[in-house]
């Protein structure tokens, strides 16, 4: 499959536009367990432009009833991005110093031991660190929020390596 560029600036622009609102093309999952990964997937799609329509293990959204678990589930998005050899974006788990705007972090906060939140990186001021990384997210809607303001128990960093076209 041919590789295409991931448009980080388009993904970040989408995040800024929709951080405090909901795109009517997608169901708002806020009352169904949270909208953070749905929002992160929308941002990724804005920069990738390609979905993976593989049933169950792909990454796509057609409607609330026609989507993959990876579109809205923290663990499933992680699994898809790291294992994807087909169409759509793919990522590598990296150390925090390798992050760029347009990448994702997944966090466990407070007493939670599972990763349960997927903020989208919109800005990094200086060397990447929790206090210099700024995110946009749903389920606690924010834009340009310092990552360091979360009570982070665990953090994993996902760098988008590229996109495979169909």
Protein backbone atom coordinates (compact mmCIF):
# COMPACT_ATOMS: atom_id res chain seq x y z
CA UNK A 1 0.00 0.00 0.00
CA UNK A 2 1.33 3.43 -0.88
CA UNK A 3 2.29 5.76 1.94
CA UNK A 4 0.84 9.24 2.11
CA UNK A 5 1.70 12.09 4.42
CA UNK A 6 -0.10 12.67 7.68
CA UNK A 7 -1.20 16.31 7.63
CA UNK A 8 -0.45 17.33 11.20
CA UNK A 9 -1.56 20.93 10.67
CA UNK A 10 -4.99 19.81 9.37
CA UNK A 11 -5.39 17.47 12.34
CA UNK A 12 -4.47 20.22 14.81
CA UNK A 13 -6.77 22.73 13.07
CA UNK A 14 -9.63 20.24 13.38
CA UNK A 15 -8.88 19.78 17.09
CA UNK A 16 -8.99 23.54 17.69
CA UNK A 17 -12.25 23.89 15.73
CA UNK A 18 -14.14 21.11 17.54
CA UNK A 19 -12.59 21.05 21.03
CA UNK A 20 -15.57 22.78 22.64
CA UNK A 21 -18.22 21.68 20.16
CA UNK A 22 -19.44 18.48 18.55
CA UNK A 23 -19.20 17.77 14.84
CA UNK A 24 -22.75 16.75 13.82
CA UNK A 25 -21.30 14.10 11.47
CA UNK A 26 -20.41 11.99 14.52
CA UNK A 27 -22.40 10.78 17.50
CA UNK A 28 -21.44 12.40 20.79
CA UNK A 29 -20.40 9.52 23.08
CA UNK A 30 -20.18 11.71 26.21
CA UNK A 31 -23.11 9.95 27.88
CA UNK A 32 -21.98 6.53 26.65
CA UNK A 33 -18.67 6.25 28.46
CA UNK A 34 -16.87 9.29 27.09
CA UNK A 35 -16.12 11.07 23.83
CA UNK A 36 -12.34 11.46 24.09
CA UNK A 37 -11.27 8.69 21.73
CA UNK A 38 -14.05 9.51 19.28
CA UNK A 39 -12.69 13.08 19.19
CA UNK A 40 -9.07 11.87 18.87
CA UNK A 41 -10.11 9.62 15.97
CA UNK A 42 -11.83 12.54 14.26
CA UNK A 43 -8.64 14.60 14.61
CA UNK A 44 -6.57 11.72 13.21
CA UNK A 45 -8.95 11.34 10.29
CA UNK A 46 -8.71 15.07 9.54
CA UNK A 47 -4.96 14.61 9.13
CA UNK A 48 -5.01 11.17 7.49
CA UNK A 49 -8.03 11.30 5.19
CA UNK A 50 -8.14 7.49 5.06
CA UNK A 51 -10.16 5.05 7.14
CA UNK A 52 -9.61 1.30 7.39
CA UNK A 53 -12.88 -0.51 6.65
CA UNK A 54 -11.73 -3.91 7.90
CA UNK A 55 -14.64 -5.26 9.98
CA UNK A 56 -13.99 -5.41 13.74
CA UNK A 57 -10.23 -4.75 13.64
CA UNK A 58 -10.12 -1.77 11.27
CA UNK A 59 -10.66 1.89 12.10
CA UNK A 60 -13.72 3.60 10.69
CA UNK A 61 -16.90 5.49 11.48
CA UNK A 62 -19.94 5.49 9.18
CA UNK A 63 -22.56 5.95 11.90
CA UNK A 64 -23.10 5.14 15.57
CA UNK A 65 -24.11 1.62 14.57
CA UNK A 66 -21.46 1.18 11.88
CA UNK A 67 -18.05 1.80 13.40
CA UNK A 68 -15.17 -0.16 14.82
CA UNK A 69 -14.27 -0.39 18.51
CA UNK A 70 -10.98 1.35 17.66
CA UNK A 71 -12.80 4.55 16.70
CA UNK A 72 -14.13 5.12 20.22
CA UNK A 73 -12.23 2.81 22.60
CA UNK A 74 -8.94 3.81 24.21
CA UNK A 75 -7.40 0.32 24.22
CA UNK A 76 -8.73 -0.54 20.77
CA UNK A 77 -7.36 2.65 19.17
CA UNK A 78 -3.97 1.88 20.72
CA UNK A 79 -4.06 -1.68 19.34
CA UNK A 80 -5.12 -0.50 15.89
CA UNK A 81 -2.51 2.22 15.55
CA UNK A 82 0.37 0.00 16.67
CA UNK A 83 -0.64 -3.06 14.63
CA UNK A 84 -2.13 -1.51 11.51
CA UNK A 85 -0.52 -2.82 8.33
CA UNK A 86 -3.45 -1.82 6.13
CA UNK A 87 -5.11 1.44 5.13
CA UNK A 88 -5.18 4.39 7.51
CA UNK A 89 -2.84 5.88 10.08
CA UNK A 90 -0.25 3.88 11.97
CA UNK A 91 1.82 4.78 15.01
CA UNK A 92 4.66 3.77 17.25
CA UNK A 93 4.78 4.04 21.03
CA UNK A 94 7.62 6.43 21.83
CA UNK A 95 9.18 8.29 24.73
CA UNK A 96 7.69 11.69 25.49
CA UNK A 97 10.58 13.54 23.84
CA UNK A 98 9.57 12.13 20.41
CA UNK A 99 6.05 13.63 20.42
CA UNK A 100 4.87 16.27 17.95
CA UNK A 101 1.64 18.21 17.48
CA UNK A 102 -0.81 15.82 15.84
CA UNK A 103 0.23 12.89 18.04
CA UNK A 104 -1.74 11.32 20.88
CA UNK A 105 -1.17 10.47 24.48
CA UNK A 106 -3.19 8.01 26.51
CA UNK A 107 -3.35 8.41 30.24
CA UNK A 108 -4.51 6.76 33.42
CA UNK A 109 -5.31 9.27 36.13
CA UNK A 110 -5.88 9.21 39.86
CA UNK A 111 -6.60 5.76 41.24
CA UNK A 112 -7.31 4.23 37.82
CA UNK A 113 -4.79 1.65 36.64
CA UNK A 114 -6.18 1.35 33.10
CA UNK A 115 -5.60 3.86 30.33
CA UNK A 116 -8.91 5.65 29.99
CA UNK A 117 -8.34 9.01 28.29
CA UNK A 118 -6.96 9.93 24.83
CA UNK A 119 -5.97 13.60 24.57
CA UNK A 120 -4.76 14.98 21.22
CA UNK A 121 -1.57 17.08 21.13
CA UNK A 122 -2.05 20.53 19.61
CA UNK A 123 1.11 22.36 20.68
CA UNK A 124 4.53 21.79 22.23
CA UNK A 125 6.51 24.71 23.63
CA UNK A 126 10.17 23.73 23.91
CA UNK A 127 11.37 20.24 24.71
CA UNK A 128 8.42 17.83 25.03
CA UNK A 129 7.47 17.31 28.68
CA UNK A 130 4.11 17.26 30.48
CA UNK A 131 4.43 20.96 31.30
CA UNK A 132 5.25 21.96 27.67
CA UNK A 133 2.70 19.74 25.90
CA UNK A 134 -0.74 21.21 25.27
CA UNK A 135 -3.72 19.07 24.37
CA UNK A 136 -7.28 19.25 23.10
CA UNK A 137 -9.83 16.72 24.32
CA UNK A 138 -13.46 15.84 24.82
CA UNK A 139 -14.82 14.33 28.06
CA UNK A 140 -13.46 17.24 29.94
CA UNK A 141 -13.59 19.53 26.91
CA UNK A 142 -10.44 21.61 26.52
CA UNK A 143 -8.10 23.20 24.03
CA UNK A 144 -4.49 24.13 24.73
CA UNK A 145 -4.65 22.55 28.20
CA UNK A 146 -1.24 21.71 29.65
CA UNK A 147 -0.84 17.94 29.94
CA UNK A 148 0.74 18.53 33.34
CA UNK A 149 -2.64 19.61 34.78
CA UNK A 150 -3.87 16.02 34.76
CA UNK A 151 -3.13 13.82 37.80
CA UNK A 152 -1.24 11.33 35.61
CA UNK A 153 -0.64 7.87 37.02
CA UNK A 154 0.49 6.32 33.71
CA UNK A 155 1.24 7.86 30.32
CA UNK A 156 1.85 6.33 26.91
CA UNK A 157 2.86 8.37 23.89
CA UNK A 158 1.73 7.53 20.35
CA UNK A 159 3.64 9.09 17.46
CA UNK A 160 1.81 8.94 14.14
CA UNK A 161 4.36 7.56 11.70
CA UNK A 162 2.29 7.92 8.54
CA UNK A 163 -0.77 6.85 6.61
CA UNK A 164 -1.32 4.07 4.09
CA UNK A 165 -3.74 4.80 1.30
CA UNK A 166 -6.30 2.26 0.18
